[in-house]
Amino acid sequence: MSFLLKAMVGNPLKGFGLGGSSEEKKEEGEASNPAAEAGMTREEFEEYQRQLVEEKIERDAKFVQKKAERATLRLHMRDKYRLPKSEMDENQIQMAGDDVDLPDELQKMVAEDQDEEEEKDSILGQIQNLQNLDMDTIKEKATATFTEIKQVAEDKCSVM
């Protein structure tokens, strides 16, 4: 009879902490050993934990390196387009140890951009730009500007 009463009243009250037995406390105490739960010996479990920590450190180092590479790319782009520098990017590069290089593909792109800019800045590049200009359009703009200035001057000056 007491078994039946305990089963009916004890189980619902377990969640409230009122009806617990010493056997349940022993089971909870045994579950505190994570190596036993994983089915490993203590040494195997420690080695496993060490490997997890090493892998996490490697992942974090790769992540920091990638962030620094991206920050380096942003710095190059800001220099190229004369945008204000970001302290966050400089901090990320310093965190990576200031030994950050752009990936090969990005280095090729930057080198190509620099070559193009050098060509544009050279005298030959300027001459090619002059050849690409439409002289008729320039002539029309110049005459339109001249006639506009002439009309403004006539409006302001009563002598003309």
N, C-alpha and C. Protein backbone atom coordinates (compact mmCIF):
# COMPACT_ATOMS: atom_id res chain seq x y z
N MET A 1 0.81 -1.18 0.00
CA MET A 1 0.00 0.00 0.00
C MET A 1 0.85 1.26 0.00
N SER A 2 1.92 1.26 0.80
CA SER A 2 2.80 2.43 0.82
C SER A 2 3.51 2.61 -0.53
N PHE A 3 3.77 1.49 -1.21
CA PHE A 3 4.38 1.58 -2.54
C PHE A 3 3.46 2.29 -3.50
N LEU A 4 2.22 1.94 -3.47
CA LEU A 4 1.23 2.55 -4.34
C LEU A 4 1.07 4.03 -4.03
N LEU A 5 1.04 4.37 -2.76
CA LEU A 5 0.91 5.76 -2.35
C LEU A 5 2.14 6.57 -2.77
N LYS A 6 3.33 5.96 -2.61
CA LYS A 6 4.57 6.64 -3.00
C LYS A 6 4.63 6.85 -4.51
N ALA A 7 4.19 5.88 -5.29
CA ALA A 7 4.21 5.98 -6.74
C ALA A 7 3.24 7.06 -7.22
N MET A 8 2.11 7.16 -6.58
CA MET A 8 1.12 8.14 -7.02
C MET A 8 1.48 9.56 -6.59
N VAL A 9 1.97 9.73 -5.40
CA VAL A 9 2.24 11.05 -4.88
C VAL A 9 3.69 11.46 -5.14
N GLY A 10 4.60 10.50 -5.08
CA GLY A 10 6.03 10.81 -5.19
C GLY A 10 6.45 11.27 -6.57
N ASN A 11 5.98 10.60 -7.62
CA ASN A 11 6.39 10.94 -8.98
C ASN A 11 5.97 12.35 -9.39
N PRO A 12 4.75 12.76 -9.14
CA PRO A 12 4.39 14.13 -9.52
C PRO A 12 5.13 15.19 -8.71
N LEU A 13 5.52 14.84 -7.50
CA LEU A 13 6.18 15.83 -6.66
C LEU A 13 7.70 15.88 -6.85
N LYS A 14 8.25 15.01 -7.70
CA LYS A 14 9.70 15.02 -7.95
C LYS A 14 10.14 16.35 -8.55
N GLY A 15 9.34 16.89 -9.42
CA GLY A 15 9.69 18.16 -10.06
C GLY A 15 9.75 19.31 -9.08
N PHE A 16 9.05 19.19 -7.98
CA PHE A 16 9.05 20.25 -6.97
C PHE A 16 10.14 20.06 -5.94
N GLY A 17 10.84 18.94 -5.98
CA GLY A 17 11.91 18.68 -5.03
C GLY A 17 11.41 18.15 -3.71
N LEU A 18 10.17 17.74 -3.66
CA LEU A 18 9.61 17.26 -2.39
C LEU A 18 9.73 15.75 -2.23
N GLY A 19 9.59 15.01 -3.31
CA GLY A 19 9.57 13.56 -3.18
C GLY A 19 10.75 12.92 -3.87
N GLY A 20 11.91 12.98 -3.33
CA GLY A 20 13.08 12.36 -3.93
C GLY A 20 13.63 11.30 -3.02
N SER A 21 14.35 10.34 -3.59
CA SER A 21 14.93 9.29 -2.76
C SER A 21 16.44 9.33 -2.86
N SER A 22 17.11 8.59 -2.00
CA SER A 22 18.57 8.59 -1.99
C SER A 22 19.12 7.86 -3.21
N GLU A 23 18.36 6.94 -3.81
CA GLU A 23 18.82 6.21 -4.99
C GLU A 23 18.97 7.16 -6.17
N GLU A 24 18.06 8.10 -6.29
CA GLU A 24 18.14 9.06 -7.38
C GLU A 24 19.34 9.97 -7.22
N LYS A 25 19.69 10.30 -6.00
CA LYS A 25 20.85 11.14 -5.76
C LYS A 25 22.13 10.42 -6.13
N LYS A 26 22.18 9.10 -5.92
CA LYS A 26 23.35 8.32 -6.31
C LYS A 26 23.51 8.32 -7.82
N GLU A 27 22.41 8.19 -8.55
CA GLU A 27 22.47 8.19 -10.01
C GLU A 27 22.97 9.53 -10.53
N GLU A 28 22.56 10.60 -9.93
CA GLU A 28 23.03 11.92 -10.34
C GLU A 28 24.51 12.06 -10.06
N GLY A 29 25.01 11.53 -8.97
CA GLY A 29 26.42 11.61 -8.62
C GLY A 29 27.29 10.84 -9.60
N GLU A 30 26.82 9.73 -10.10
CA GLU A 30 27.57 8.92 -11.05
C GLU A 30 27.66 9.61 -12.41
N ALA A 31 26.68 10.39 -12.76
CA ALA A 31 26.63 11.03 -14.07
C ALA A 31 27.60 12.21 -14.17
N SER A 32 28.25 12.60 -13.12
CA SER A 32 29.13 13.76 -13.16
C SER A 32 30.46 13.46 -13.83
N ASN A 33 30.81 12.22 -14.07
CA ASN A 33 32.06 11.87 -14.72
C ASN A 33 31.83 11.84 -16.24
N PRO A 34 32.32 12.86 -16.98
CA PRO A 34 32.05 12.91 -18.43
C PRO A 34 32.78 11.82 -19.21
N ALA A 35 33.92 11.35 -18.71
CA ALA A 35 34.64 10.29 -19.41
C ALA A 35 33.83 9.01 -19.41
N ALA A 36 33.20 8.72 -18.31
CA ALA A 36 32.37 7.52 -18.23
C ALA A 36 31.16 7.64 -19.14
N GLU A 37 30.62 8.82 -19.25
CA GLU A 37 29.47 9.03 -20.13
C GLU A 37 29.85 8.82 -21.58
N ALA A 38 31.05 9.24 -21.96
CA ALA A 38 31.50 9.11 -23.35
C ALA A 38 32.01 7.71 -23.65
N GLY A 39 32.15 6.87 -22.66
CA GLY A 39 32.63 5.52 -22.87
C GLY A 39 34.13 5.46 -23.09
N MET A 40 34.88 6.36 -22.46
CA MET A 40 36.33 6.42 -22.60
C MET A 40 36.96 6.34 -21.23
N THR A 41 38.25 6.02 -21.27
CA THR A 41 39.00 6.10 -20.01
C THR A 41 39.33 7.55 -19.76
N ARG A 42 39.80 7.84 -18.58
CA ARG A 42 40.12 9.23 -18.21
C ARG A 42 41.23 9.79 -19.10
N GLU A 43 42.25 8.98 -19.41
CA GLU A 43 43.37 9.44 -20.25
C GLU A 43 42.90 9.72 -21.67
N GLU A 44 42.05 8.82 -22.19
CA GLU A 44 41.52 9.04 -23.53
C GLU A 44 40.68 10.31 -23.58
N PHE A 45 39.89 10.52 -22.55
CA PHE A 45 39.05 11.70 -22.50
C PHE A 45 39.89 12.98 -22.43
N GLU A 46 40.96 12.97 -21.63
CA GLU A 46 41.84 14.14 -21.53
C GLU A 46 42.52 14.41 -22.86
N GLU A 47 42.96 13.37 -23.55
CA GLU A 47 43.59 13.53 -24.86
C GLU A 47 42.58 14.11 -25.86
N TYR A 48 41.36 13.61 -25.79
CA TYR A 48 40.30 14.11 -26.65
C TYR A 48 40.04 15.59 -26.39
N GLN A 49 39.98 15.97 -25.13
CA GLN A 49 39.77 17.37 -24.76
C GLN A 49 40.93 18.24 -25.25
N ARG A 50 42.16 17.73 -25.12
CA ARG A 50 43.34 18.47 -25.59
C ARG A 50 43.28 18.69 -27.10
N GLN A 51 42.87 17.65 -27.84
CA GLN A 51 42.74 17.78 -29.28
C GLN A 51 41.68 18.81 -29.65
N LEU A 52 40.58 18.80 -28.94
CA LEU A 52 39.53 19.79 -29.20
C LEU A 52 40.04 21.21 -28.98
N VAL A 53 40.80 21.40 -27.92
CA VAL A 53 41.33 22.73 -27.62
C VAL A 53 42.32 23.15 -28.71
N GLU A 54 43.20 22.23 -29.13
CA GLU A 54 44.17 22.55 -30.19
C GLU A 54 43.47 22.89 -31.49
N GLU A 55 42.44 22.13 -31.85
CA GLU A 55 41.69 22.42 -33.07
C GLU A 55 41.01 23.78 -32.99
N LYS A 56 40.48 24.11 -31.83
CA LYS A 56 39.84 25.41 -31.66
C LYS A 56 40.85 26.54 -31.80
N ILE A 57 42.04 26.35 -31.25
CA ILE A 57 43.08 27.37 -31.37
C ILE A 57 43.49 27.54 -32.82
N GLU A 58 43.62 26.44 -33.56
CA GLU A 58 43.97 26.52 -34.98
C GLU A 58 42.88 27.24 -35.78
N ARG A 59 41.62 26.90 -35.50
CA ARG A 59 40.51 27.56 -36.20
C ARG A 59 40.51 29.05 -35.90
N ASP A 60 40.72 29.41 -34.64
CA ASP A 60 40.73 30.82 -34.27
C ASP A 60 41.88 31.55 -34.95
N ALA A 61 43.05 30.90 -35.05
CA ALA A 61 44.20 31.54 -35.70
C ALA A 61 43.92 31.75 -37.19
N LYS A 62 43.32 30.76 -37.84
CA LYS A 62 42.97 30.90 -39.26
C LYS A 62 41.94 32.00 -39.45
N PHE A 63 40.98 32.06 -38.53
CA PHE A 63 39.94 33.09 -38.62
C PHE A 63 40.54 34.48 -38.48
N VAL A 64 41.44 34.65 -37.53
CA VAL A 64 42.09 35.95 -37.33
C VAL A 64 42.91 36.30 -38.57
N GLN A 65 43.60 35.31 -39.15
CA GLN A 65 44.40 35.55 -40.35
C GLN A 65 43.51 36.00 -41.51
N LYS A 66 42.37 35.34 -41.70
CA LYS A 66 41.44 35.71 -42.78
C LYS A 66 40.90 37.12 -42.56
N LYS A 67 40.55 37.43 -41.31
CA LYS A 67 40.05 38.78 -41.02
C LYS A 67 41.11 39.82 -41.32
N ALA A 68 42.37 39.50 -41.00
CA ALA A 68 43.46 40.44 -41.27
C ALA A 68 43.68 40.59 -42.77
N GLU A 69 43.54 39.51 -43.53
CA GLU A 69 43.68 39.60 -44.99
C GLU A 69 42.59 40.49 -45.57
N ARG A 70 41.38 40.33 -45.08
CA ARG A 70 40.28 41.18 -45.56
C ARG A 70 40.52 42.63 -45.19
N ALA A 71 41.03 42.85 -43.99
CA ALA A 71 41.32 44.22 -43.56
C ALA A 71 42.42 44.82 -44.43
N THR A 72 43.41 44.02 -44.80
CA THR A 72 44.48 44.51 -45.68
C THR A 72 43.91 44.89 -47.03
N LEU A 73 43.02 44.08 -47.54
CA LEU A 73 42.38 44.39 -48.82
C LEU A 73 41.60 45.70 -48.71
N ARG A 74 40.86 45.86 -47.62
CA ARG A 74 40.11 47.11 -47.45
C ARG A 74 41.05 48.31 -47.36
N LEU A 75 42.19 48.14 -46.70
CA LEU A 75 43.15 49.24 -46.63
C LEU A 75 43.68 49.60 -48.01
N HIS A 76 43.97 48.58 -48.82
CA HIS A 76 44.44 48.85 -50.19
C HIS A 76 43.37 49.59 -50.98
N MET A 77 42.13 49.16 -50.83
CA MET A 77 41.05 49.82 -51.57
C MET A 77 40.85 51.26 -51.09
N ARG A 78 40.98 51.46 -49.78
CA ARG A 78 40.83 52.83 -49.25
C ARG A 78 41.96 53.72 -49.75
N ASP A 79 43.17 53.16 -49.81
CA ASP A 79 44.29 53.94 -50.34
C ASP A 79 44.07 54.26 -51.81
N LYS A 80 43.59 53.29 -52.54
CA LYS A 80 43.39 53.47 -53.98
C LYS A 80 42.37 54.56 -54.26
N TYR A 81 41.27 54.53 -53.54
CA TYR A 81 40.19 55.48 -53.79
C TYR A 81 40.21 56.67 -52.83
N ARG A 82 41.27 56.78 -52.08
CA ARG A 82 41.50 57.91 -51.17
C ARG A 82 40.35 58.10 -50.19
N LEU A 83 39.94 56.99 -49.57
CA LEU A 83 38.88 57.02 -48.56
C LEU A 83 39.52 57.08 -47.18
N PRO A 84 38.79 57.53 -46.17
CA PRO A 84 39.37 57.60 -44.82
C PRO A 84 39.71 56.20 -44.30
N LYS A 85 40.79 56.13 -43.52
CA LYS A 85 41.24 54.85 -42.98
C LYS A 85 40.40 54.44 -41.78
N SER A 86 40.35 53.15 -41.53
CA SER A 86 39.58 52.61 -40.42
C SER A 86 40.53 52.06 -39.36
N GLU A 87 40.32 52.46 -38.14
CA GLU A 87 41.15 51.97 -37.05
C GLU A 87 40.89 50.49 -36.79
N MET A 88 39.66 50.05 -37.03
CA MET A 88 39.32 48.65 -36.81
C MET A 88 40.15 47.74 -37.72
N ASP A 89 40.32 48.13 -38.98
CA ASP A 89 41.13 47.33 -39.90
C ASP A 89 42.58 47.29 -39.45
N GLU A 90 43.10 48.41 -39.03
CA GLU A 90 44.49 48.45 -38.57
C GLU A 90 44.67 47.59 -37.32
N ASN A 91 43.68 47.59 -36.43
CA ASN A 91 43.75 46.75 -35.23
C ASN A 91 43.73 45.27 -35.59
N GLN A 92 42.91 44.91 -36.56
CA GLN A 92 42.85 43.50 -36.97
C GLN A 92 44.18 43.05 -37.56
N ILE A 93 44.82 43.92 -38.30
CA ILE A 93 46.12 43.57 -38.88
C ILE A 93 47.16 43.43 -37.78
N GLN A 94 47.11 44.31 -36.80
CA GLN A 94 48.06 44.21 -35.69
C GLN A 94 47.82 42.95 -34.87
N MET A 95 46.56 42.54 -34.70
CA MET A 95 46.27 41.33 -33.94
C MET A 95 46.84 40.10 -34.64
N ALA A 96 46.90 40.14 -35.97
CA ALA A 96 47.42 39.00 -36.72
C ALA A 96 48.94 39.00 -36.75
N GLY A 97 49.57 40.00 -36.17
CA GLY A 97 51.02 40.00 -36.08
C GLY A 97 51.69 40.83 -37.16
N ASP A 98 50.98 41.69 -37.83
CA ASP A 98 51.53 42.56 -38.87
C ASP A 98 52.21 41.78 -39.99
N ASP A 99 52.03 40.48 -40.05
CA ASP A 99 52.63 39.67 -41.11
C ASP A 99 51.51 39.13 -41.99
N VAL A 100 50.75 40.04 -42.57
CA VAL A 100 49.59 39.66 -43.36
C VAL A 100 49.85 40.03 -44.81
N ASP A 101 49.67 39.07 -45.67
CA ASP A 101 49.80 39.29 -47.10
C ASP A 101 48.46 39.08 -47.76
N LEU A 102 48.30 39.73 -48.89
CA LEU A 102 47.10 39.50 -49.66
C LEU A 102 47.20 38.13 -50.33
N PRO A 103 46.08 37.46 -50.54
CA PRO A 103 46.12 36.22 -51.31
C PRO A 103 46.64 36.49 -52.72
N ASP A 104 47.17 35.47 -53.37
CA ASP A 104 47.79 35.62 -54.69
C ASP A 104 46.86 36.25 -55.71
N GLU A 105 45.60 35.82 -55.72
CA GLU A 105 44.65 36.36 -56.69
C GLU A 105 44.45 37.86 -56.48
N LEU A 106 44.36 38.27 -55.23
CA LEU A 106 44.15 39.68 -54.95
C LEU A 106 45.41 40.49 -55.26
N GLN A 107 46.58 39.90 -55.04
CA GLN A 107 47.82 40.59 -55.38
C GLN A 107 47.88 40.84 -56.89
N LYS A 108 47.44 39.86 -57.68
CA LYS A 108 47.42 40.04 -59.13
C LYS A 108 46.47 41.16 -59.52
N MET A 109 45.29 41.19 -58.87
CA MET A 109 44.32 42.24 -59.18
C MET A 109 44.87 43.62 -58.84
N VAL A 110 45.51 43.74 -57.68
CA VAL A 110 46.06 45.02 -57.26
C VAL A 110 47.17 45.45 -58.22
N ALA A 111 48.01 44.50 -58.63
CA ALA A 111 49.09 44.81 -59.56
C ALA A 111 48.54 45.28 -60.90
N GLU A 112 47.48 44.62 -61.38
CA GLU A 112 46.85 45.04 -62.65
C GLU A 112 46.28 46.45 -62.53
N ASP A 113 45.62 46.73 -61.40
CA ASP A 113 45.06 48.06 -61.20
C ASP A 113 46.15 49.12 -61.17
N GLN A 114 47.26 48.82 -60.52
CA GLN A 114 48.36 49.78 -60.46
C GLN A 114 48.95 50.00 -61.84
N ASP A 115 49.07 48.95 -62.65
CA ASP A 115 49.59 49.10 -64.01
C ASP A 115 48.67 49.98 -64.84
N GLU A 116 47.36 49.76 -64.70
CA GLU A 116 46.40 50.57 -65.45
C GLU A 116 46.48 52.05 -65.04
N GLU A 117 46.61 52.30 -63.74
CA GLU A 117 46.71 53.68 -63.27
C GLU A 117 47.99 54.34 -63.76
N GLU A 118 49.09 53.59 -63.78
CA GLU A 118 50.34 54.15 -64.28
C GLU A 118 50.23 54.49 -65.75
N GLU A 119 49.55 53.64 -66.52
CA GLU A 119 49.37 53.93 -67.94
C GLU A 119 48.52 55.19 -68.13
N LYS A 120 47.49 55.34 -67.33
CA LYS A 120 46.63 56.52 -67.44
C LYS A 120 47.38 57.79 -67.05
N ASP A 121 48.27 57.68 -66.07
CA ASP A 121 49.01 58.84 -65.61
C ASP A 121 50.14 59.24 -66.54
N SER A 122 50.58 58.34 -67.38
CA SER A 122 51.70 58.65 -68.26
C SER A 122 51.25 59.56 -69.41
N ILE A 123 52.21 60.11 -70.13
CA ILE A 123 51.91 61.00 -71.25
C ILE A 123 51.20 60.25 -72.36
N LEU A 124 51.63 59.02 -72.61
CA LEU A 124 50.98 58.22 -73.65
C LEU A 124 49.53 57.96 -73.30
N GLY A 125 49.26 57.72 -72.05
CA GLY A 125 47.88 57.50 -71.62
C GLY A 125 47.03 58.74 -71.84
N GLN A 126 47.61 59.91 -71.57
CA GLN A 126 46.88 61.16 -71.79
C GLN A 126 46.61 61.39 -73.27
N ILE A 127 47.58 61.04 -74.10
CA ILE A 127 47.40 61.21 -75.55
C ILE A 127 46.30 60.28 -76.05
N GLN A 128 46.27 59.06 -75.54
CA GLN A 128 45.22 58.12 -75.95
C GLN A 128 43.86 58.64 -75.51
N ASN A 129 43.79 59.25 -74.34
CA ASN A 129 42.52 59.82 -73.89
C ASN A 129 42.08 60.95 -74.81
N LEU A 130 43.03 61.74 -75.31
CA LEU A 130 42.69 62.82 -76.24
C LEU A 130 42.16 62.26 -77.55
N GLN A 131 42.72 61.13 -77.98
CA GLN A 131 42.26 60.52 -79.22
C GLN A 131 40.85 59.97 -79.06
N ASN A 132 40.52 59.54 -77.88
CA ASN A 132 39.20 58.97 -77.65
C ASN A 132 38.11 60.04 -77.52
N LEU A 133 38.49 61.29 -77.37
CA LEU A 133 37.51 62.35 -77.21
C LEU A 133 36.83 62.66 -78.54
N ASP A 134 35.60 63.05 -78.45
CA ASP A 134 34.83 63.43 -79.62
C ASP A 134 34.98 64.94 -79.79
N MET A 135 35.68 65.35 -80.80
CA MET A 135 35.98 66.77 -81.01
C MET A 135 34.71 67.58 -81.31
N ASP A 136 33.76 66.98 -82.00
CA ASP A 136 32.52 67.69 -82.31
C ASP A 136 31.76 68.04 -81.03
N THR A 137 31.74 67.10 -80.07
CA THR A 137 31.05 67.34 -78.81
C THR A 137 31.72 68.46 -78.04
N ILE A 138 33.04 68.45 -78.03
CA ILE A 138 33.79 69.50 -77.32
C ILE A 138 33.53 70.85 -77.97
N LYS A 139 33.51 70.89 -79.31
CA LYS A 139 33.27 72.14 -80.03
C LYS A 139 31.88 72.68 -79.73
N GLU A 140 30.89 71.79 -79.68
CA GLU A 140 29.52 72.21 -79.38
C GLU A 140 29.40 72.75 -77.96
N LYS A 141 30.06 72.09 -77.01
CA LYS A 141 30.02 72.56 -75.63
C LYS A 141 30.71 73.92 -75.49
N ALA A 142 31.80 74.12 -76.19
CA ALA A 142 32.52 75.39 -76.11
C ALA A 142 31.68 76.52 -76.70
N THR A 143 31.05 76.30 -77.84
CA THR A 143 30.23 77.36 -78.44
C THR A 143 28.99 77.64 -77.58
N ALA A 144 28.42 76.59 -76.97
CA ALA A 144 27.26 76.80 -76.12
C ALA A 144 27.64 77.62 -74.89
N THR A 145 28.80 77.31 -74.32
CA THR A 145 29.26 78.07 -73.16
C THR A 145 29.54 79.52 -73.54
N PHE A 146 30.17 79.72 -74.70
CA PHE A 146 30.49 81.08 -75.15
C PHE A 146 29.22 81.89 -75.39
N THR A 147 28.24 81.30 -76.03
CA THR A 147 26.99 82.04 -76.28
C THR A 147 26.25 82.33 -74.99
N GLU A 148 26.32 81.42 -74.04
CA GLU A 148 25.67 81.63 -72.73
C GLU A 148 26.33 82.79 -71.99
N ILE A 149 27.66 82.82 -71.99
CA ILE A 149 28.38 83.92 -71.33
C ILE A 149 28.07 85.24 -72.03
N LYS A 150 28.00 85.21 -73.34
CA LYS A 150 27.71 86.42 -74.12
C LYS A 150 26.31 86.95 -73.79
N GLN A 151 25.34 86.08 -73.65
CA GLN A 151 23.98 86.51 -73.31
C GLN A 151 23.92 87.09 -71.90
N VAL A 152 24.62 86.47 -70.95
CA VAL A 152 24.64 86.99 -69.59
C VAL A 152 25.28 88.37 -69.57
N ALA A 153 26.36 88.53 -70.32
CA ALA A 153 27.03 89.83 -70.37
C ALA A 153 26.12 90.88 -71.00
N GLU A 154 25.38 90.54 -72.05
CA GLU A 154 24.47 91.51 -72.68
C GLU A 154 23.35 91.90 -71.77
N ASP A 155 22.87 90.94 -70.94
CA ASP A 155 21.79 91.24 -70.01
C ASP A 155 22.25 92.20 -68.91
N LYS A 156 23.48 92.05 -68.47
CA LYS A 156 23.99 92.87 -67.38
C LYS A 156 24.50 94.22 -67.87
N CYS A 157 25.03 94.25 -69.07
CA CYS A 157 25.64 95.49 -69.55
C CYS A 157 24.65 96.21 -70.49
N SER A 158 24.42 97.45 -70.19
CA SER A 158 23.48 98.21 -71.04
C SER A 158 24.18 98.79 -72.27
N VAL A 159 25.49 98.85 -72.28
CA VAL A 159 26.23 99.39 -73.41
C VAL A 159 26.22 98.40 -74.57
N MET A 160 26.29 97.15 -74.29
CA MET A 160 26.34 96.14 -75.36
C MET A 160 24.97 96.02 -75.94
